[in-house]
Amino acid sequence: MEVTNQYNAHLDAKKRLTLRGASFQYYNVKKYANSCIVLEPRQLTKPKSISARTLKAMDQAVRNFKVEEVSEPVDLSDF
């Protein structure tokens, strides 16, 4: 594997490390017993489907609405 960028880095007062010229905003960090640290870039994506937990919450909201167990109307006229 070819090295494309090499530099020394240090932790700041809050124990943070800054990556220069980072290509991604999120990284998965793996720390091994021999003190090696591997950063793998991650990109957050939109889910392809609605999760089961969300569907369950939506079903409960509809049931509450049908039995008129709802909150007072929200006034959005200020927006």
N, C-alpha and C. Protein backbone atom coordinates (compact mmCIF):
# COMPACT_ATOMS: atom_id res chain seq x y z
N MET A 1 0.85 -1.18 0.00
CA MET A 1 0.00 0.00 0.00
C MET A 1 0.89 1.24 0.00
N GLU A 2 0.54 2.19 -0.83
CA GLU A 2 1.34 3.39 -1.00
C GLU A 2 0.92 4.47 0.00
N VAL A 3 1.89 5.13 0.61
CA VAL A 3 1.62 6.23 1.53
C VAL A 3 1.39 7.49 0.71
N THR A 4 0.23 8.13 0.88
CA THR A 4 -0.07 9.34 0.13
C THR A 4 0.09 10.61 0.96
N ASN A 5 0.08 10.50 2.27
CA ASN A 5 0.24 11.65 3.16
C ASN A 5 0.77 11.16 4.48
N GLN A 6 1.78 11.84 4.99
CA GLN A 6 2.36 11.43 6.28
C GLN A 6 2.72 12.67 7.08
N TYR A 7 2.29 12.70 8.33
CA TYR A 7 2.62 13.81 9.22
C TYR A 7 2.46 13.36 10.66
N ASN A 8 3.06 14.10 11.58
CA ASN A 8 2.90 13.84 13.02
C ASN A 8 1.73 14.66 13.53
N ALA A 9 0.94 14.07 14.40
CA ALA A 9 -0.22 14.75 14.97
C ALA A 9 -0.18 14.61 16.48
N HIS A 10 -0.89 15.48 17.17
CA HIS A 10 -0.95 15.40 18.63
C HIS A 10 -2.38 15.65 19.10
N LEU A 11 -2.67 15.25 20.32
CA LEU A 11 -3.98 15.47 20.91
C LEU A 11 -4.04 16.87 21.49
N ASP A 12 -5.20 17.52 21.38
CA ASP A 12 -5.35 18.83 22.00
C ASP A 12 -5.74 18.66 23.47
N ALA A 13 -6.08 19.75 24.12
CA ALA A 13 -6.39 19.71 25.56
C ALA A 13 -7.61 18.85 25.87
N LYS A 14 -8.50 18.69 24.90
CA LYS A 14 -9.71 17.88 25.11
C LYS A 14 -9.55 16.47 24.55
N LYS A 15 -8.31 16.04 24.33
CA LYS A 15 -7.99 14.69 23.85
C LYS A 15 -8.53 14.43 22.45
N ARG A 16 -8.53 15.47 21.59
CA ARG A 16 -9.02 15.32 20.22
C ARG A 16 -7.83 15.33 19.27
N LEU A 17 -7.98 14.61 18.17
CA LEU A 17 -6.97 14.55 17.14
C LEU A 17 -7.56 15.13 15.85
N THR A 18 -6.83 15.99 15.19
CA THR A 18 -7.31 16.61 13.97
C THR A 18 -6.64 15.94 12.77
N LEU A 19 -7.46 15.54 11.80
CA LEU A 19 -6.94 14.97 10.56
C LEU A 19 -6.85 16.06 9.51
N ARG A 20 -5.69 16.27 8.96
CA ARG A 20 -5.51 17.30 7.93
C ARG A 20 -6.00 16.76 6.59
N GLY A 21 -6.72 17.58 5.88
CA GLY A 21 -7.18 17.21 4.55
C GLY A 21 -8.08 15.99 4.54
N ALA A 22 -8.87 15.80 5.59
CA ALA A 22 -9.75 14.64 5.69
C ALA A 22 -10.76 14.64 4.55
N SER A 23 -10.93 13.49 3.93
CA SER A 23 -11.85 13.37 2.81
C SER A 23 -13.28 13.09 3.24
N PHE A 24 -13.45 12.62 4.47
CA PHE A 24 -14.76 12.24 4.98
C PHE A 24 -15.02 12.94 6.30
N GLN A 25 -16.30 13.07 6.66
CA GLN A 25 -16.65 13.71 7.92
C GLN A 25 -16.70 12.68 9.05
N TYR A 26 -17.03 11.42 8.74
CA TYR A 26 -17.17 10.39 9.77
C TYR A 26 -16.20 9.24 9.50
N TYR A 27 -15.64 8.70 10.57
CA TYR A 27 -14.72 7.58 10.48
C TYR A 27 -15.07 6.54 11.55
N ASN A 28 -14.90 5.28 11.20
CA ASN A 28 -15.01 4.20 12.17
C ASN A 28 -13.60 3.96 12.69
N VAL A 29 -13.42 3.97 14.01
CA VAL A 29 -12.11 3.83 14.61
C VAL A 29 -11.98 2.44 15.23
N LYS A 30 -10.89 1.76 14.89
CA LYS A 30 -10.59 0.46 15.50
C LYS A 30 -9.24 0.57 16.18
N LYS A 31 -9.20 0.26 17.47
CA LYS A 31 -7.95 0.27 18.23
C LYS A 31 -7.62 -1.16 18.61
N TYR A 32 -6.40 -1.57 18.30
CA TYR A 32 -5.98 -2.94 18.56
C TYR A 32 -5.11 -3.01 19.82
N ALA A 33 -4.94 -4.22 20.34
CA ALA A 33 -4.18 -4.43 21.57
C ALA A 33 -2.73 -3.96 21.44
N ASN A 34 -2.18 -4.00 20.22
CA ASN A 34 -0.79 -3.56 20.02
C ASN A 34 -0.68 -2.05 19.79
N SER A 35 -1.73 -1.30 20.10
CA SER A 35 -1.82 0.17 20.01
C SER A 35 -1.97 0.70 18.59
N CYS A 36 -2.16 -0.16 17.61
CA CYS A 36 -2.44 0.31 16.25
C CYS A 36 -3.88 0.84 16.19
N ILE A 37 -4.05 1.92 15.47
CA ILE A 37 -5.38 2.51 15.28
C ILE A 37 -5.66 2.57 13.79
N VAL A 38 -6.83 2.08 13.40
CA VAL A 38 -7.24 2.08 12.00
C VAL A 38 -8.50 2.93 11.87
N LEU A 39 -8.46 3.88 10.94
CA LEU A 39 -9.62 4.73 10.65
C LEU A 39 -10.20 4.30 9.31
N GLU A 40 -11.48 3.97 9.29
CA GLU A 40 -12.15 3.61 8.06
C GLU A 40 -13.22 4.66 7.78
N PRO A 41 -13.19 5.27 6.60
CA PRO A 41 -14.18 6.32 6.31
C PRO A 41 -15.59 5.76 6.26
N ARG A 42 -16.54 6.57 6.73
CA ARG A 42 -17.95 6.20 6.71
C ARG A 42 -18.73 7.34 6.09
N GLN A 43 -19.72 7.00 5.30
CA GLN A 43 -20.64 7.99 4.78
C GLN A 43 -22.03 7.64 5.26
N LEU A 44 -22.69 8.59 5.87
CA LEU A 44 -24.05 8.36 6.34
C LEU A 44 -24.98 8.44 5.14
N THR A 45 -25.87 7.48 5.02
CA THR A 45 -26.80 7.45 3.91
C THR A 45 -28.22 7.38 4.43
N LYS A 46 -29.14 7.74 3.57
CA LYS A 46 -30.55 7.64 3.94
C LYS A 46 -30.96 6.17 3.94
N PRO A 47 -31.72 5.75 4.92
CA PRO A 47 -32.16 4.35 4.92
C PRO A 47 -33.07 4.07 3.73
N LYS A 48 -33.00 2.84 3.24
CA LYS A 48 -33.81 2.45 2.08
C LYS A 48 -35.25 2.17 2.47
N SER A 49 -35.49 1.90 3.74
CA SER A 49 -36.85 1.61 4.17
C SER A 49 -37.06 2.20 5.57
N ILE A 50 -38.30 2.20 5.99
CA ILE A 50 -38.65 2.69 7.31
C ILE A 50 -38.44 1.56 8.31
N SER A 51 -37.79 1.87 9.43
CA SER A 51 -37.49 0.84 10.42
C SER A 51 -38.75 0.32 11.09
N ALA A 52 -38.67 -0.88 11.65
CA ALA A 52 -39.81 -1.48 12.34
C ALA A 52 -40.22 -0.64 13.54
N ARG A 53 -39.25 -0.04 14.21
CA ARG A 53 -39.55 0.80 15.38
C ARG A 53 -40.36 2.03 14.97
N THR A 54 -39.99 2.63 13.85
CA THR A 54 -40.72 3.80 13.37
C THR A 54 -42.13 3.43 12.95
N LEU A 55 -42.26 2.31 12.25
CA LEU A 55 -43.60 1.85 11.84
C LEU A 55 -44.49 1.59 13.04
N LYS A 56 -43.92 1.01 14.09
CA LYS A 56 -44.68 0.74 15.31
C LYS A 56 -45.16 2.05 15.95
N ALA A 57 -44.27 3.05 15.98
CA ALA A 57 -44.65 4.35 16.55
C ALA A 57 -45.74 5.03 15.72
N MET A 58 -45.65 4.90 14.42
CA MET A 58 -46.67 5.48 13.55
C MET A 58 -48.02 4.79 13.74
N ASP A 59 -48.01 3.47 13.87
CA ASP A 59 -49.25 2.72 14.12
C ASP A 59 -49.89 3.16 15.43
N GLN A 60 -49.06 3.36 16.47
CA GLN A 60 -49.57 3.79 17.77
C GLN A 60 -50.16 5.19 17.66
N ALA A 61 -49.54 6.07 16.90
CA ALA A 61 -50.05 7.43 16.72
C ALA A 61 -51.41 7.41 16.04
N VAL A 62 -51.57 6.55 15.04
CA VAL A 62 -52.85 6.45 14.34
C VAL A 62 -53.93 5.91 15.27
N ARG A 63 -53.58 4.89 16.07
CA ARG A 63 -54.55 4.35 17.05
C ARG A 63 -54.97 5.43 18.03
N ASN A 64 -54.02 6.22 18.53
CA ASN A 64 -54.34 7.31 19.45
C ASN A 64 -55.26 8.33 18.79
N PHE A 65 -54.98 8.64 17.53
CA PHE A 65 -55.80 9.62 16.80
C PHE A 65 -57.22 9.12 16.65
N LYS A 66 -57.40 7.84 16.34
CA LYS A 66 -58.73 7.29 16.12
C LYS A 66 -59.59 7.29 17.39
N VAL A 67 -58.95 7.14 18.55
CA VAL A 67 -59.71 7.17 19.81
C VAL A 67 -59.67 8.57 20.44
N GLU A 68 -59.25 9.55 19.64
CA GLU A 68 -59.19 10.96 20.05
C GLU A 68 -58.33 11.20 21.27
N GLU A 69 -57.27 10.46 21.39
CA GLU A 69 -56.29 10.69 22.46
C GLU A 69 -55.13 11.48 21.85
N VAL A 70 -55.38 12.77 21.66
CA VAL A 70 -54.42 13.63 20.97
C VAL A 70 -54.17 14.89 21.81
N SER A 71 -53.10 15.60 21.45
CA SER A 71 -52.77 16.83 22.16
C SER A 71 -53.58 17.98 21.57
N GLU A 72 -53.48 19.13 22.18
CA GLU A 72 -54.14 20.32 21.67
C GLU A 72 -53.49 20.71 20.35
N PRO A 73 -54.21 21.38 19.45
CA PRO A 73 -53.63 21.80 18.18
C PRO A 73 -52.45 22.73 18.40
N VAL A 74 -51.45 22.62 17.56
CA VAL A 74 -50.26 23.46 17.64
C VAL A 74 -50.45 24.64 16.71
N ASP A 75 -50.21 25.84 17.23
CA ASP A 75 -50.35 27.06 16.43
C ASP A 75 -49.05 27.31 15.68
N LEU A 76 -49.08 27.16 14.37
CA LEU A 76 -47.90 27.37 13.55
C LEU A 76 -47.94 28.68 12.78
N SER A 77 -48.85 29.57 13.15
CA SER A 77 -49.02 30.82 12.41
C SER A 77 -47.78 31.72 12.50
N ASP A 78 -46.97 31.58 13.55
CA ASP A 78 -45.76 32.39 13.69
C ASP A 78 -44.69 32.01 12.68
N PHE A 79 -44.82 30.84 12.11
CA PHE A 79 -43.79 30.38 11.18
C PHE A 79 -44.21 30.64 9.78
